[in-house]
Every structure is written in structure tokens, then in C-alpha cells.
């Protein structure tokens, strides 16, 4: 992309930049040049004008598409936030209901107590095993430092 200052500097030298950023010897924006093109090569001038019109139309459609998709993306993100909020709320309600059911059902409470007791015993045995390993390692370290 060239800037206006660059284009002016080139114009002083008799060089011009067209819409496709190509260097030209004749100013593409020159009204007389366009009229001469229309008179000498009307088909080419018409095709060129048609291409410029279609390009402008495509640009407009692209901008419209970007606006539409931007709005759609915003809507989808907002919907995702609502869904996430509702999902969290549903999980909280389910947990509350399960807790209430557990509090109301003595059999469930007894099963939970048994499960927790078994877990506690397993952890106690594991702790004893770890303490035994720790003691053996300390003895080994003690023996190594003495020798």
C-alpha cells in the first residue's frame, strides 16, 4: 500500500499507482484517459467498469456478511454463557436434592457411614505402612552417615 505522500512524489516524476498498486505511466484517475479508453476500446472500458462495480458490490456484501456473522457470534457467546449458568444452577439443585435425600433416608446414612469407616481404616493402614517405610529409610540413612 502506498501513501498519499508517496503517490504525490511519484506523480511529480510522471509515475502513478493504480487500484491494484501497479506502477503506471498514465494517471489511472485521469478523466481524459478514461474517456479516451471509452472511445478507443468501449468493450474494455465497459468490462473494466463492470469489474469495478462488481468489486464494490462484493465489498459491500462482505462487509454485510462480517456484520451479520459478528452479531451471530455475539449471540452464540451470550447463549453459551446462559447455558453455562443454567448448567451450574442445575448441578447445585441436584446436589442439594441428593443431600436432602441422604439426610432423610437412614439406610443411606448408614451406608455412607460404613463407606467412610472403611475408607478411614484403609487410610489408617496406608499411614502405618508409610510410617514403617519412613522409619526404615531413616535407619538406612543413619547407617550410611555413620560409615
N, C-alpha and C. Protein backbone atom coordinates (compact mmCIF):
# COMPACT_ATOMS: atom_id res chain seq x y z
N UNK A 1 0.85 -1.18 0.00
CA UNK A 1 0.00 0.00 0.00
C UNK A 1 0.89 1.24 0.00
N UNK A 2 0.55 2.15 -0.87
CA UNK A 2 1.31 3.40 -0.90
C UNK A 2 0.51 4.49 -0.22
N UNK A 3 1.22 5.45 0.32
CA UNK A 3 0.56 6.56 0.99
C UNK A 3 0.35 7.70 0.00
N UNK A 4 -0.44 8.67 0.39
CA UNK A 4 -0.71 9.82 -0.48
C UNK A 4 0.57 10.59 -0.77
N UNK A 5 1.45 10.72 0.21
CA UNK A 5 2.72 11.43 0.01
C UNK A 5 3.59 10.69 -1.01
N UNK A 6 3.61 9.35 -0.91
CA UNK A 6 4.38 8.56 -1.87
C UNK A 6 3.82 8.74 -3.27
N UNK A 7 2.50 8.71 -3.39
CA UNK A 7 1.87 8.86 -4.70
C UNK A 7 2.15 10.24 -5.28
N UNK A 8 2.15 11.26 -4.45
CA UNK A 8 2.45 12.61 -4.94
C UNK A 8 3.88 12.70 -5.43
N UNK A 9 4.79 12.09 -4.70
CA UNK A 9 6.20 12.10 -5.10
C UNK A 9 6.37 11.39 -6.43
N UNK A 10 5.68 10.26 -6.60
CA UNK A 10 5.75 9.53 -7.87
C UNK A 10 5.13 10.35 -9.00
N UNK A 11 4.01 11.03 -8.71
CA UNK A 11 3.32 11.83 -9.73
C UNK A 11 4.22 12.94 -10.25
N UNK A 12 5.05 13.50 -9.39
CA UNK A 12 5.99 14.54 -9.83
C UNK A 12 6.96 13.98 -10.87
N UNK A 13 7.25 12.69 -10.76
CA UNK A 13 8.17 12.04 -11.70
C UNK A 13 7.44 11.49 -12.92
N UNK A 14 6.10 11.65 -12.95
CA UNK A 14 5.32 11.14 -14.08
C UNK A 14 4.95 9.67 -13.93
N UNK A 15 4.96 9.16 -12.71
CA UNK A 15 4.57 7.78 -12.43
C UNK A 15 3.35 7.78 -11.53
N UNK A 16 2.48 6.78 -11.73
CA UNK A 16 1.24 6.73 -10.97
C UNK A 16 1.00 5.30 -10.49
N UNK A 17 0.23 5.17 -9.41
CA UNK A 17 -0.11 3.87 -8.86
C UNK A 17 -1.61 3.66 -9.06
N UNK A 18 -1.98 2.51 -9.68
CA UNK A 18 -3.40 2.25 -9.92
C UNK A 18 -4.04 1.55 -8.72
N UNK A 19 -5.30 1.13 -8.89
CA UNK A 19 -6.05 0.49 -7.80
C UNK A 19 -5.45 -0.85 -7.38
N UNK A 20 -4.66 -1.45 -8.25
CA UNK A 20 -4.05 -2.74 -7.95
C UNK A 20 -2.61 -2.58 -7.47
N UNK A 21 -2.24 -1.32 -7.14
CA UNK A 21 -0.89 -0.98 -6.68
C UNK A 21 0.18 -1.30 -7.71
N UNK A 22 -0.19 -1.13 -8.98
CA UNK A 22 0.78 -1.30 -10.07
C UNK A 22 1.24 0.07 -10.53
N UNK A 23 2.48 0.16 -10.92
CA UNK A 23 3.05 1.42 -11.39
C UNK A 23 2.60 1.68 -12.83
N UNK A 24 2.12 2.90 -13.10
CA UNK A 24 1.61 3.29 -14.43
C UNK A 24 2.28 4.58 -14.88
N UNK A 25 2.37 4.75 -16.21
CA UNK A 25 2.91 5.98 -16.78
C UNK A 25 1.81 7.02 -16.98
N UNK A 26 0.56 6.56 -17.06
CA UNK A 26 -0.58 7.46 -17.23
C UNK A 26 -1.41 7.39 -15.96
N UNK A 27 -1.87 8.53 -15.49
CA UNK A 27 -2.68 8.60 -14.27
C UNK A 27 -4.00 7.86 -14.50
N UNK A 28 -4.24 6.75 -13.77
CA UNK A 28 -5.47 5.99 -13.98
C UNK A 28 -6.71 6.76 -13.53
N UNK A 29 -6.54 7.77 -12.72
CA UNK A 29 -7.68 8.57 -12.28
C UNK A 29 -7.96 9.73 -13.21
N UNK A 30 -7.16 9.88 -14.24
CA UNK A 30 -7.29 10.99 -15.18
C UNK A 30 -8.58 10.83 -15.98
N UNK A 31 -9.42 11.84 -15.94
CA UNK A 31 -10.71 11.81 -16.61
C UNK A 31 -10.54 11.67 -18.12
N UNK A 32 -9.57 12.36 -18.68
CA UNK A 32 -9.36 12.31 -20.13
C UNK A 32 -8.89 10.93 -20.57
N UNK A 33 -8.06 10.30 -19.74
CA UNK A 33 -7.59 8.96 -20.06
C UNK A 33 -8.76 7.99 -20.10
N UNK A 34 -9.66 8.10 -19.13
CA UNK A 34 -10.82 7.21 -19.09
C UNK A 34 -11.72 7.45 -20.30
N UNK A 35 -11.91 8.71 -20.69
CA UNK A 35 -12.74 8.99 -21.86
C UNK A 35 -12.09 8.45 -23.13
N UNK A 36 -10.77 8.60 -23.25
CA UNK A 36 -10.07 8.07 -24.43
C UNK A 36 -10.20 6.55 -24.47
N UNK A 37 -10.11 5.91 -23.29
CA UNK A 37 -10.26 4.46 -23.22
C UNK A 37 -11.65 4.06 -23.67
N UNK A 38 -12.65 4.82 -23.24
CA UNK A 38 -14.03 4.52 -23.62
C UNK A 38 -14.23 4.66 -25.12
N UNK A 39 -13.60 5.67 -25.72
CA UNK A 39 -13.78 5.90 -27.16
C UNK A 39 -13.03 4.87 -27.99
N UNK A 40 -11.81 4.54 -27.60
CA UNK A 40 -11.00 3.63 -28.40
C UNK A 40 -11.36 2.17 -28.16
N UNK A 41 -11.60 1.83 -26.89
CA UNK A 41 -11.88 0.44 -26.54
C UNK A 41 -13.12 0.37 -25.66
N UNK A 42 -14.30 0.58 -26.24
CA UNK A 42 -15.51 0.63 -25.42
C UNK A 42 -15.78 -0.69 -24.67
N UNK A 43 -15.45 -1.81 -25.32
CA UNK A 43 -15.69 -3.11 -24.66
C UNK A 43 -14.80 -3.25 -23.42
N UNK A 44 -13.54 -2.86 -23.57
CA UNK A 44 -12.61 -2.95 -22.45
C UNK A 44 -13.03 -2.01 -21.33
N UNK A 45 -13.41 -0.79 -21.71
CA UNK A 45 -13.85 0.18 -20.70
C UNK A 45 -15.09 -0.32 -19.97
N UNK A 46 -15.99 -0.93 -20.74
CA UNK A 46 -17.22 -1.46 -20.12
C UNK A 46 -16.89 -2.62 -19.19
N UNK A 47 -16.01 -3.50 -19.63
CA UNK A 47 -15.60 -4.62 -18.78
C UNK A 47 -14.90 -4.13 -17.51
N UNK A 48 -14.05 -3.12 -17.68
CA UNK A 48 -13.35 -2.54 -16.54
C UNK A 48 -14.34 -1.93 -15.55
N UNK A 49 -15.28 -1.17 -16.06
CA UNK A 49 -16.29 -0.55 -15.20
C UNK A 49 -17.14 -1.61 -14.52
N UNK A 50 -17.51 -2.64 -15.28
CA UNK A 50 -18.31 -3.74 -14.74
C UNK A 50 -17.54 -4.45 -13.62
N UNK A 51 -16.24 -4.67 -13.83
CA UNK A 51 -15.42 -5.31 -12.80
C UNK A 51 -15.33 -4.44 -11.55
N UNK A 52 -15.19 -3.13 -11.73
CA UNK A 52 -15.13 -2.23 -10.58
C UNK A 52 -16.45 -2.23 -9.83
N UNK A 53 -17.56 -2.24 -10.57
CA UNK A 53 -18.88 -2.27 -9.93
C UNK A 53 -19.07 -3.57 -9.14
N UNK A 54 -18.70 -4.68 -9.77
CA UNK A 54 -18.85 -5.97 -9.08
C UNK A 54 -17.94 -6.05 -7.86
N UNK A 55 -16.75 -5.47 -7.98
CA UNK A 55 -15.83 -5.45 -6.84
C UNK A 55 -16.42 -4.65 -5.69
N UNK A 56 -16.99 -3.49 -5.99
CA UNK A 56 -17.62 -2.67 -4.95
C UNK A 56 -18.81 -3.41 -4.33
N UNK A 57 -19.59 -4.08 -5.19
CA UNK A 57 -20.74 -4.85 -4.69
C UNK A 57 -20.28 -5.99 -3.79
N UNK A 58 -19.21 -6.67 -4.21
CA UNK A 58 -18.66 -7.76 -3.40
C UNK A 58 -18.16 -7.23 -2.06
N UNK A 59 -17.50 -6.09 -2.08
CA UNK A 59 -17.03 -5.47 -0.83
C UNK A 59 -18.19 -5.18 0.10
N UNK A 60 -19.27 -4.64 -0.44
CA UNK A 60 -20.45 -4.35 0.37
C UNK A 60 -21.03 -5.63 0.96
N UNK A 61 -21.12 -6.68 0.13
CA UNK A 61 -21.64 -7.96 0.61
C UNK A 61 -20.74 -8.53 1.70
N UNK A 62 -19.44 -8.39 1.51
CA UNK A 62 -18.50 -8.90 2.50
C UNK A 62 -18.65 -8.16 3.83
N UNK A 63 -18.79 -6.84 3.77
CA UNK A 63 -19.00 -6.06 5.00
C UNK A 63 -20.30 -6.46 5.68
N UNK A 64 -21.35 -6.66 4.88
CA UNK A 64 -22.64 -7.09 5.42
C UNK A 64 -22.50 -8.47 6.08
N UNK A 65 -21.77 -9.37 5.42
CA UNK A 65 -21.55 -10.70 5.97
C UNK A 65 -20.80 -10.62 7.30
N UNK A 66 -19.76 -9.79 7.35
CA UNK A 66 -18.98 -9.63 8.58
C UNK A 66 -19.86 -9.08 9.71
N UNK A 67 -20.71 -8.13 9.39
CA UNK A 67 -21.61 -7.57 10.40
C UNK A 67 -22.57 -8.64 10.91
N UNK A 68 -23.14 -9.39 9.96
CA UNK A 68 -24.10 -10.43 10.33
C UNK A 68 -23.44 -11.52 11.17
N UNK A 69 -22.28 -11.99 10.71
CA UNK A 69 -21.61 -13.06 11.47
C UNK A 69 -21.12 -12.55 12.82
N UNK A 70 -20.70 -11.29 12.87
CA UNK A 70 -20.29 -10.73 14.17
C UNK A 70 -21.44 -10.74 15.15
N UNK A 71 -22.63 -10.35 14.68
CA UNK A 71 -23.81 -10.38 15.54
C UNK A 71 -24.17 -11.79 15.95
N UNK A 72 -24.04 -12.72 15.00
CA UNK A 72 -24.35 -14.12 15.29
C UNK A 72 -23.38 -14.69 16.33
N UNK A 73 -22.11 -14.38 16.18
CA UNK A 73 -21.11 -14.86 17.14
C UNK A 73 -21.39 -14.30 18.52
N UNK A 74 -21.73 -13.02 18.59
CA UNK A 74 -22.06 -12.41 19.89
C UNK A 74 -23.26 -13.11 20.52
N UNK A 75 -24.28 -13.40 19.70
CA UNK A 75 -25.48 -14.08 20.21
C UNK A 75 -25.14 -15.47 20.72
N UNK A 76 -24.31 -16.18 19.98
CA UNK A 76 -23.94 -17.54 20.38
C UNK A 76 -23.14 -17.51 21.68
N UNK A 77 -22.22 -16.56 21.82
CA UNK A 77 -21.44 -16.45 23.06
C UNK A 77 -22.35 -16.12 24.24
N UNK A 78 -23.31 -15.24 24.02
CA UNK A 78 -24.25 -14.89 25.09
C UNK A 78 -25.08 -16.11 25.47
N UNK A 79 -25.53 -16.88 24.46
CA UNK A 79 -26.30 -18.08 24.72
C UNK A 79 -25.46 -19.11 25.48
N UNK A 80 -24.18 -19.23 25.12
CA UNK A 80 -23.28 -20.17 25.81
C UNK A 80 -23.13 -19.78 27.28
N UNK A 81 -23.05 -18.49 27.56
CA UNK A 81 -22.96 -18.04 28.95
C UNK A 81 -24.22 -18.39 29.72
N UNK A 82 -25.38 -18.21 29.08
CA UNK A 82 -26.65 -18.55 29.73
C UNK A 82 -26.71 -20.04 30.00
N UNK A 83 -26.31 -20.85 29.02
CA UNK A 83 -26.33 -22.31 29.18
C UNK A 83 -25.40 -22.72 30.33
N UNK A 84 -24.21 -22.14 30.38
CA UNK A 84 -23.25 -22.46 31.44
C UNK A 84 -23.81 -22.11 32.82
N UNK A 85 -24.45 -20.96 32.92
CA UNK A 85 -25.06 -20.54 34.18
C UNK A 85 -26.16 -21.51 34.60
N UNK A 86 -27.00 -21.90 33.64
CA UNK A 86 -28.09 -22.84 33.94
C UNK A 86 -27.54 -24.21 34.32
N UNK A 87 -26.45 -24.62 33.68
CA UNK A 87 -25.84 -25.91 33.99
C UNK A 87 -25.34 -25.92 35.43
N UNK A 88 -24.68 -24.85 35.83
CA UNK A 88 -24.17 -24.75 37.21
C UNK A 88 -25.34 -24.74 38.20
N UNK A 89 -26.39 -23.99 37.86
CA UNK A 89 -27.56 -23.93 38.74
C UNK A 89 -28.20 -25.32 38.87
N UNK A 90 -28.30 -26.06 37.76
CA UNK A 90 -28.89 -27.39 37.79
C UNK A 90 -28.04 -28.34 38.65
N UNK A 91 -26.72 -28.22 38.55
CA UNK A 91 -25.85 -29.07 39.36
C UNK A 91 -26.02 -28.75 40.84
N UNK A 92 -26.16 -27.48 41.17
CA UNK A 92 -26.37 -27.09 42.57
C UNK A 92 -27.69 -27.64 43.09
N UNK A 93 -28.73 -27.56 42.27
CA UNK A 93 -30.04 -28.09 42.67
C UNK A 93 -29.96 -29.59 42.88
N UNK A 94 -29.29 -30.30 41.95
CA UNK A 94 -29.16 -31.75 42.07
C UNK A 94 -28.39 -32.12 43.34
N UNK A 95 -27.30 -31.43 43.61
CA UNK A 95 -26.53 -31.72 44.82
C UNK A 95 -27.35 -31.47 46.08
N UNK A 96 -28.12 -30.40 46.07
CA UNK A 96 -28.98 -30.10 47.22
C UNK A 96 -30.01 -31.20 47.40
N UNK A 97 -30.62 -31.66 46.31
CA UNK A 97 -31.62 -32.72 46.40
C UNK A 97 -31.00 -34.02 46.90
N UNK A 98 -29.81 -34.36 46.39
CA UNK A 98 -29.15 -35.59 46.84
C UNK A 98 -28.80 -35.51 48.32
N UNK A 99 -28.35 -34.35 48.76
CA UNK A 99 -28.02 -34.18 50.17
C UNK A 99 -29.29 -34.29 51.03
N UNK A 100 -30.37 -33.69 50.56
CA UNK A 100 -31.62 -33.77 51.30
C UNK A 100 -32.12 -35.20 51.37
N UNK A 101 -31.99 -35.95 50.26
CA UNK A 101 -32.41 -37.35 50.25
C UNK A 101 -31.56 -38.16 51.22
N UNK A 102 -30.27 -37.91 51.22
CA UNK A 102 -29.37 -38.65 52.11
C UNK A 102 -29.70 -38.37 53.57
N UNK A 103 -30.06 -37.14 53.87
CA UNK A 103 -30.40 -36.79 55.25
C UNK A 103 -31.71 -37.43 55.68
N UNK A 104 -32.62 -37.62 54.73
CA UNK A 104 -33.93 -38.18 55.06
C UNK A 104 -33.92 -39.70 55.14
N UNK A 105 -33.00 -40.36 54.50
CA UNK A 105 -33.00 -41.82 54.41
C UNK A 105 -31.97 -42.41 55.38
N UNK A 106 -32.44 -43.05 56.46
CA UNK A 106 -31.50 -43.60 57.44
C UNK A 106 -30.64 -44.74 56.85
N UNK A 107 -31.18 -45.52 55.94
CA UNK A 107 -30.40 -46.61 55.33
C UNK A 107 -29.23 -46.02 54.54
N UNK A 108 -29.52 -44.97 53.80
CA UNK A 108 -28.47 -44.30 53.03
C UNK A 108 -27.42 -43.72 53.96
N UNK A 109 -27.86 -43.15 55.06
CA UNK A 109 -26.92 -42.61 56.04
C UNK A 109 -26.02 -43.71 56.60
N UNK A 110 -26.60 -44.86 56.92
CA UNK A 110 -25.82 -45.99 57.45
C UNK A 110 -24.81 -46.48 56.43
N UNK A 111 -25.22 -46.55 55.16
CA UNK A 111 -24.30 -46.98 54.09
C UNK A 111 -23.15 -45.99 53.95
N UNK A 112 -23.47 -44.72 54.03
CA UNK A 112 -22.44 -43.69 53.92
C UNK A 112 -21.47 -43.79 55.08
N UNK A 113 -22.00 -44.02 56.28
CA UNK A 113 -21.15 -44.16 57.47
C UNK A 113 -20.23 -45.36 57.30
N UNK A 114 -20.78 -46.49 56.82
CA UNK A 114 -19.96 -47.68 56.61
C UNK A 114 -18.86 -47.43 55.58
N UNK A 115 -19.22 -46.78 54.48
CA UNK A 115 -18.23 -46.48 53.43
C UNK A 115 -17.11 -45.59 53.98
N UNK A 116 -17.50 -44.59 54.75
CA UNK A 116 -16.50 -43.68 55.31
C UNK A 116 -15.63 -44.39 56.34
N UNK A 117 -16.21 -45.31 57.11
CA UNK A 117 -15.45 -46.07 58.10
C UNK A 117 -14.42 -46.97 57.41
N UNK A 118 -14.85 -47.64 56.34
CA UNK A 118 -13.93 -48.50 55.58
C UNK A 118 -12.80 -47.65 54.99
N UNK A 119 -13.14 -46.50 54.44
CA UNK A 119 -12.15 -45.59 53.87
C UNK A 119 -11.17 -45.13 54.95
N UNK A 120 -11.69 -44.83 56.13
CA UNK A 120 -10.84 -44.39 57.23
C UNK A 120 -9.86 -45.50 57.63
N UNK A 121 -10.34 -46.72 57.69
CA UNK A 121 -9.49 -47.85 58.06
C UNK A 121 -8.41 -48.07 57.01
N UNK A 122 -8.78 -47.98 55.74
CA UNK A 122 -7.82 -48.15 54.65
C UNK A 122 -6.72 -47.08 54.73
N UNK A 123 -7.12 -45.85 55.00
CA UNK A 123 -6.15 -44.76 55.12
C UNK A 123 -5.25 -44.94 56.34
N UNK A 124 -5.81 -45.48 57.44
CA UNK A 124 -5.01 -45.72 58.64
C UNK A 124 -3.94 -46.77 58.36
N UNK A 125 -4.32 -47.86 57.67
CA UNK A 125 -3.37 -48.92 57.32
C UNK A 125 -2.29 -48.36 56.38
N UNK A 126 -2.70 -47.56 55.43
CA UNK A 126 -1.75 -46.95 54.50
C UNK A 126 -0.78 -46.03 55.24
N UNK A 127 -1.28 -45.28 56.21
CA UNK A 127 -0.42 -44.40 57.01
C UNK A 127 0.61 -45.21 57.79
N UNK A 128 0.17 -46.32 58.38
CA UNK A 128 1.11 -47.17 59.12
C UNK A 128 2.20 -47.70 58.20
N UNK A 129 1.82 -48.11 56.99
CA UNK A 129 2.80 -48.64 56.03
C UNK A 129 3.80 -47.55 55.63
N UNK A 130 3.32 -46.35 55.42
CA UNK A 130 4.20 -45.24 55.05
C UNK A 130 5.13 -44.90 56.20
N UNK A 131 4.62 -44.93 57.43
CA UNK A 131 5.47 -44.65 58.60
C UNK A 131 6.56 -45.71 58.74
N UNK A 132 6.20 -46.97 58.46
CA UNK A 132 7.17 -48.06 58.54
C UNK A 132 8.27 -47.86 57.50
N UNK A 133 7.88 -47.51 56.27
CA UNK A 133 8.86 -47.25 55.21
C UNK A 133 9.75 -46.07 55.58
N UNK A 134 9.13 -45.03 56.14
CA UNK A 134 9.89 -43.85 56.55
C UNK A 134 10.92 -44.22 57.62
N UNK A 135 10.51 -45.05 58.57
CA UNK A 135 11.42 -45.46 59.65
C UNK A 135 12.58 -46.26 59.08
N UNK A 136 12.30 -47.18 58.14
CA UNK A 136 13.35 -47.98 57.52
C UNK A 136 14.33 -47.09 56.75
N UNK A 137 13.80 -46.10 56.04
CA UNK A 137 14.66 -45.21 55.27
C UNK A 137 15.53 -44.36 56.20
N UNK A 138 14.96 -43.90 57.31
CA UNK A 138 15.74 -43.13 58.28
C UNK A 138 16.87 -43.98 58.86
N UNK A 139 16.56 -45.26 59.17
CA UNK A 139 17.59 -46.16 59.69
C UNK A 139 18.69 -46.36 58.65
N UNK A 140 18.30 -46.51 57.39
CA UNK A 140 19.27 -46.70 56.31
C UNK A 140 20.15 -45.47 56.16
N UNK A 141 19.55 -44.30 56.22
CA UNK A 141 20.30 -43.05 56.13
C UNK A 141 21.25 -42.92 57.31
N UNK A 142 20.77 -43.29 58.48
CA UNK A 142 21.59 -43.23 59.70
C UNK A 142 22.81 -44.13 59.55
N UNK A 143 22.58 -45.34 59.03
CA UNK A 143 23.69 -46.29 58.85
C UNK A 143 24.69 -45.75 57.82
N UNK A 144 24.21 -45.13 56.77
CA UNK A 144 25.10 -44.61 55.73
C UNK A 144 25.91 -43.42 56.22
N UNK A 145 25.33 -42.61 57.07
CA UNK A 145 26.06 -41.44 57.58
C UNK A 145 27.08 -41.84 58.63
N UNK A 146 26.86 -42.95 59.32
CA UNK A 146 27.81 -43.42 60.33
C UNK A 146 29.04 -44.02 59.69
N UNK A 147 28.90 -44.61 58.51
CA UNK A 147 30.04 -45.28 57.87
C UNK A 147 30.69 -44.40 56.91
